[in-house]
Amino acid sequence: MSAIRTVTVHTTDHGDVTMPEPSWCVDSHNHEPEALRDTGHRGPQHRAEFYGHEVATAELVQDPFAQQSDRNTGVYVAMGYLASTLTPGELDELAALLVDYAGTLRRLARQLSVLRTQEAGR
């Protein structure tokens, strides 16, 4: 059995805080100090781009000190801004991108379900 990974972050309101770090976290945690409630973990970012325009991003997140406990572990999703008149070929390409990205979101949903089940069992 391996030891639990931890990370120490400096917070503006509680000083240095050591917390467990999930294996999927890719955040370096060496950014500017922030309030404890704003610290958390970020997984790899899954991006959907269409001709250089960001259409969407999604990443697994864990905010252990968030005020809303039902949102402590989730998937953060941002939908980009794409406003363009498209040709039939471009529209087909965009549709294919969105179908592929839907698969990415479904995989993240399954991963999130497993993580939440594990958290509930602790």
C-alpha atoms as a PDB file:
ATOM      1  CA  MET A   1       0.000   0.000   0.000  1.00  0.00           C
ATOM      2  CA  SER A   2       1.436   3.368  -0.959  1.00  0.00           C
ATOM      3  CA  ALA A   3       1.520   6.422   1.260  1.00  0.00           C
ATOM      4  CA  ILE A   4      -1.060   9.121   0.726  1.00  0.00           C
ATOM      5  CA  ARG A   5       0.351  12.021  -1.289  1.00  0.00           C
ATOM      6  CA  THR A   6       0.135  15.405   0.380  1.00  0.00           C
ATOM      7  CA  VAL A   7       0.804  18.961  -0.669  1.00  0.00           C
ATOM      8  CA  THR A   8       1.409  22.037   1.467  1.00  0.00           C
ATOM      9  CA  VAL A   9      -0.059  25.314   0.238  1.00  0.00           C
ATOM     10  CA  HIS A  10       0.269  28.763   1.726  1.00  0.00           C
ATOM     11  CA  THR A  11      -3.081  30.422   2.372  1.00  0.00           C
ATOM     12  CA  THR A  12      -3.809  34.040   3.137  1.00  0.00           C
ATOM     13  CA  ASP A  13      -6.089  33.200   6.068  1.00  0.00           C
ATOM     14  CA  HIS A  14      -4.677  29.981   7.617  1.00  0.00           C
ATOM     15  CA  GLY A  15      -0.958  30.084   6.761  1.00  0.00           C
ATOM     16  CA  ASP A  16       0.597  26.835   5.541  1.00  0.00           C
ATOM     17  CA  VAL A  17      -1.939  24.023   5.164  1.00  0.00           C
ATOM     18  CA  THR A  18      -1.055  20.426   4.317  1.00  0.00           C
ATOM     19  CA  MET A  19      -3.776  18.426   2.590  1.00  0.00           C
ATOM     20  CA  PRO A  20      -4.100  15.086   0.811  1.00  0.00           C
ATOM     21  CA  GLU A  21      -3.478  15.310  -2.928  1.00  0.00           C
ATOM     22  CA  PRO A  22      -5.380  13.014  -5.288  1.00  0.00           C
ATOM     23  CA  SER A  23      -3.319  10.935  -7.715  1.00  0.00           C
ATOM     24  CA  TRP A  24      -4.998  12.636 -10.700  1.00  0.00           C
ATOM     25  CA  CYS A  25      -3.999  16.181  -9.627  1.00  0.00           C
ATOM     26  CA  VAL A  26      -1.677  17.943 -12.085  1.00  0.00           C
ATOM     27  CA  ASP A  27      -1.713  21.355 -10.373  1.00  0.00           C
ATOM     28  CA  SER A  28       1.755  22.471  -9.251  1.00  0.00           C
ATOM     29  CA  HIS A  29       0.227  24.403  -6.312  1.00  0.00           C
ATOM     30  CA  ASN A  30       2.962  27.030  -6.522  1.00  0.00           C
ATOM     31  CA  HIS A  31       0.767  29.981  -7.436  1.00  0.00           C
ATOM     32  CA  GLU A  32      -0.028  33.081  -5.407  1.00  0.00           C
ATOM     33  CA  PRO A  33      -1.490  32.375  -1.953  1.00  0.00           C
ATOM     34  CA  GLU A  34      -5.267  32.403  -1.767  1.00  0.00           C
ATOM     35  CA  ALA A  35      -7.908  31.898   0.896  1.00  0.00           C
ATOM     36  CA  LEU A  36      -8.227  28.348   2.205  1.00  0.00           C
ATOM     37  CA  ARG A  37     -11.729  27.963   0.756  1.00  0.00           C
ATOM     38  CA  ASP A  38     -10.291  28.685  -2.723  1.00  0.00           C
ATOM     39  CA  THR A  39      -7.526  26.063  -2.649  1.00  0.00           C
ATOM     40  CA  GLY A  40      -8.017  22.789  -4.425  1.00  0.00           C
ATOM     41  CA  HIS A  41      -6.857  20.299  -6.987  1.00  0.00           C
ATOM     42  CA  ARG A  42      -7.102  20.278 -10.775  1.00  0.00           C
ATOM     43  CA  GLY A  43      -6.825  17.353 -13.156  1.00  0.00           C
ATOM     44  CA  PRO A  44      -5.692  17.479 -16.775  1.00  0.00           C
ATOM     45  CA  GLN A  45      -7.605  19.938 -18.913  1.00  0.00           C
ATOM     46  CA  HIS A  46      -9.604  18.419 -21.778  1.00  0.00           C
ATOM     47  CA  ARG A  47      -9.955  21.013 -24.531  1.00  0.00           C
ATOM     48  CA  ALA A  48     -12.077  21.130 -27.652  1.00  0.00           C
ATOM     49  CA  GLU A  49     -10.761  23.551 -30.276  1.00  0.00           C
ATOM     50  CA  PHE A  50     -12.203  24.384 -33.653  1.00  0.00           C
ATOM     51  CA  TYR A  51      -9.874  26.209 -36.060  1.00  0.00           C
ATOM     52  CA  GLY A  52      -8.003  27.752 -33.144  1.00  0.00           C
ATOM     53  CA  HIS A  53     -11.168  28.746 -31.262  1.00  0.00           C
ATOM     54  CA  GLU A  54     -11.672  27.182 -27.863  1.00  0.00           C
ATOM     55  CA  VAL A  55     -15.109  25.619 -27.864  1.00  0.00           C
ATOM     56  CA  ALA A  56     -14.984  23.941 -24.452  1.00  0.00           C
ATOM     57  CA  THR A  57     -12.739  22.825 -21.621  1.00  0.00           C
ATOM     58  CA  ALA A  58     -13.392  20.378 -18.823  1.00  0.00           C
ATOM     59  CA  GLU A  59     -11.278  19.237 -15.903  1.00  0.00           C
ATOM     60  CA  LEU A  60     -11.731  17.175 -12.803  1.00  0.00           C
ATOM     61  CA  VAL A  61     -11.561  19.409  -9.710  1.00  0.00           C
ATOM     62  CA  GLN A  62     -11.591  18.961  -5.979  1.00  0.00           C
ATOM     63  CA  ASP A  63     -12.143  21.870  -3.632  1.00  0.00           C
ATOM     64  CA  PRO A  64     -11.934  20.250  -0.186  1.00  0.00           C
ATOM     65  CA  PHE A  65     -12.598  23.475   1.694  1.00  0.00           C
ATOM     66  CA  ALA A  66     -15.446  24.775  -0.472  1.00  0.00           C
ATOM     67  CA  GLN A  67     -18.572  25.903   1.328  1.00  0.00           C
ATOM     68  CA  GLN A  68     -20.893  23.773  -0.812  1.00  0.00           C
ATOM     69  CA  SER A  69     -19.967  20.211   0.182  1.00  0.00           C
ATOM     70  CA  ASP A  70     -21.904  18.689  -2.744  1.00  0.00           C
ATOM     71  CA  ARG A  71     -19.498  20.457  -5.116  1.00  0.00           C
ATOM     72  CA  ASN A  72     -16.225  19.508  -3.385  1.00  0.00           C
ATOM     73  CA  THR A  73     -15.363  17.059  -6.162  1.00  0.00           C
ATOM     74  CA  GLY A  74     -16.721  17.697  -9.625  1.00  0.00           C
ATOM     75  CA  VAL A  75     -15.909  18.498 -13.219  1.00  0.00           C
ATOM     76  CA  TYR A  76     -15.405  22.154 -14.038  1.00  0.00           C
ATOM     77  CA  VAL A  77     -16.755  22.889 -17.523  1.00  0.00           C
ATOM     78  CA  ALA A  78     -16.338  26.095 -19.500  1.00  0.00           C
ATOM     79  CA  MET A  79     -17.941  26.608 -22.871  1.00  0.00           C
ATOM     80  CA  GLY A  80     -15.991  28.925 -25.138  1.00  0.00           C
ATOM     81  CA  TYR A  81     -17.207  31.574 -27.501  1.00  0.00           C
ATOM     82  CA  LEU A  82     -17.586  30.599 -31.140  1.00  0.00           C
ATOM     83  CA  ALA A  83     -19.608  32.861 -33.404  1.00  0.00           C
ATOM     84  CA  SER A  84     -19.008  32.240 -37.081  1.00  0.00           C
ATOM     85  CA  THR A  85     -20.800  31.503 -40.318  1.00  0.00           C
ATOM     86  CA  LEU A  86     -19.696  28.033 -41.385  1.00  0.00           C
ATOM     87  CA  THR A  87     -19.576  26.171 -44.674  1.00  0.00           C
ATOM     88  CA  PRO A  88     -21.218  22.742 -44.893  1.00  0.00           C
ATOM     89  CA  GLY A  89     -17.798  21.085 -44.497  1.00  0.00           C
ATOM     90  CA  GLU A  90     -16.872  23.202 -41.488  1.00  0.00           C
ATOM     91  CA  LEU A  91     -20.247  22.531 -39.897  1.00  0.00           C
ATOM     92  CA  ASP A  92     -19.662  18.797 -40.350  1.00  0.00           C
ATOM     93  CA  GLU A  93     -16.221  19.149 -38.732  1.00  0.00           C
ATOM     94  CA  LEU A  94     -17.692  21.045 -35.789  1.00  0.00           C
ATOM     95  CA  ALA A  95     -20.398  18.411 -35.344  1.00  0.00           C
ATOM     96  CA  ALA A  96     -17.752  15.651 -35.335  1.00  0.00           C
ATOM     97  CA  LEU A  97     -15.702  17.578 -32.766  1.00  0.00           C
ATOM     98  CA  LEU A  98     -18.738  17.957 -30.501  1.00  0.00           C
ATOM     99  CA  VAL A  99     -19.607  14.256 -30.783  1.00  0.00           C
ATOM    100  CA  ASP A 100     -16.027  13.318 -29.842  1.00  0.00           C
ATOM    101  CA  TYR A 101     -16.052  15.809 -26.984  1.00  0.00           C
ATOM    102  CA  ALA A 102     -19.325  14.383 -25.683  1.00  0.00           C
ATOM    103  CA  GLY A 103     -17.430  11.103 -25.257  1.00  0.00           C
ATOM    104  CA  THR A 104     -14.772  12.936 -23.236  1.00  0.00           C
ATOM    105  CA  LEU A 105     -17.455  14.414 -20.980  1.00  0.00           C
ATOM    106  CA  ARG A 106     -19.038  10.992 -20.511  1.00  0.00           C
ATOM    107  CA  ARG A 107     -15.659   9.500 -19.487  1.00  0.00           C
ATOM    108  CA  LEU A 108     -15.180  12.348 -16.991  1.00  0.00           C
ATOM    109  CA  ALA A 109     -18.681  11.713 -15.628  1.00  0.00           C
ATOM    110  CA  ARG A 110     -17.838   8.038 -15.016  1.00  0.00           C
ATOM    111  CA  GLN A 111     -14.518   8.972 -13.389  1.00  0.00           C
ATOM    112  CA  LEU A 112     -16.330  11.481 -11.174  1.00  0.00           C
ATOM    113  CA  SER A 113     -18.910   8.879 -10.149  1.00  0.00           C
ATOM    114  CA  VAL A 114     -16.145   6.501  -9.055  1.00  0.00           C
ATOM    115  CA  LEU A 115     -14.381   9.253  -7.080  1.00  0.00           C
ATOM    116  CA  ARG A 116     -17.585  10.311  -5.326  1.00  0.00           C
ATOM    117  CA  THR A 117     -18.399   6.703  -4.446  1.00  0.00           C
ATOM    118  CA  GLN A 118     -14.906   6.290  -2.972  1.00  0.00           C
ATOM    119  CA  GLU A 119     -15.283   9.531  -0.994  1.00  0.00           C
ATOM    120  CA  ALA A 120     -18.656   8.417   0.373  1.00  0.00           C
ATOM    121  CA  GLY A 121     -17.088   5.169   1.585  1.00  0.00           C
ATOM    122  CA  ARG A 122     -14.489   6.949   3.722  1.00  0.00           C
END
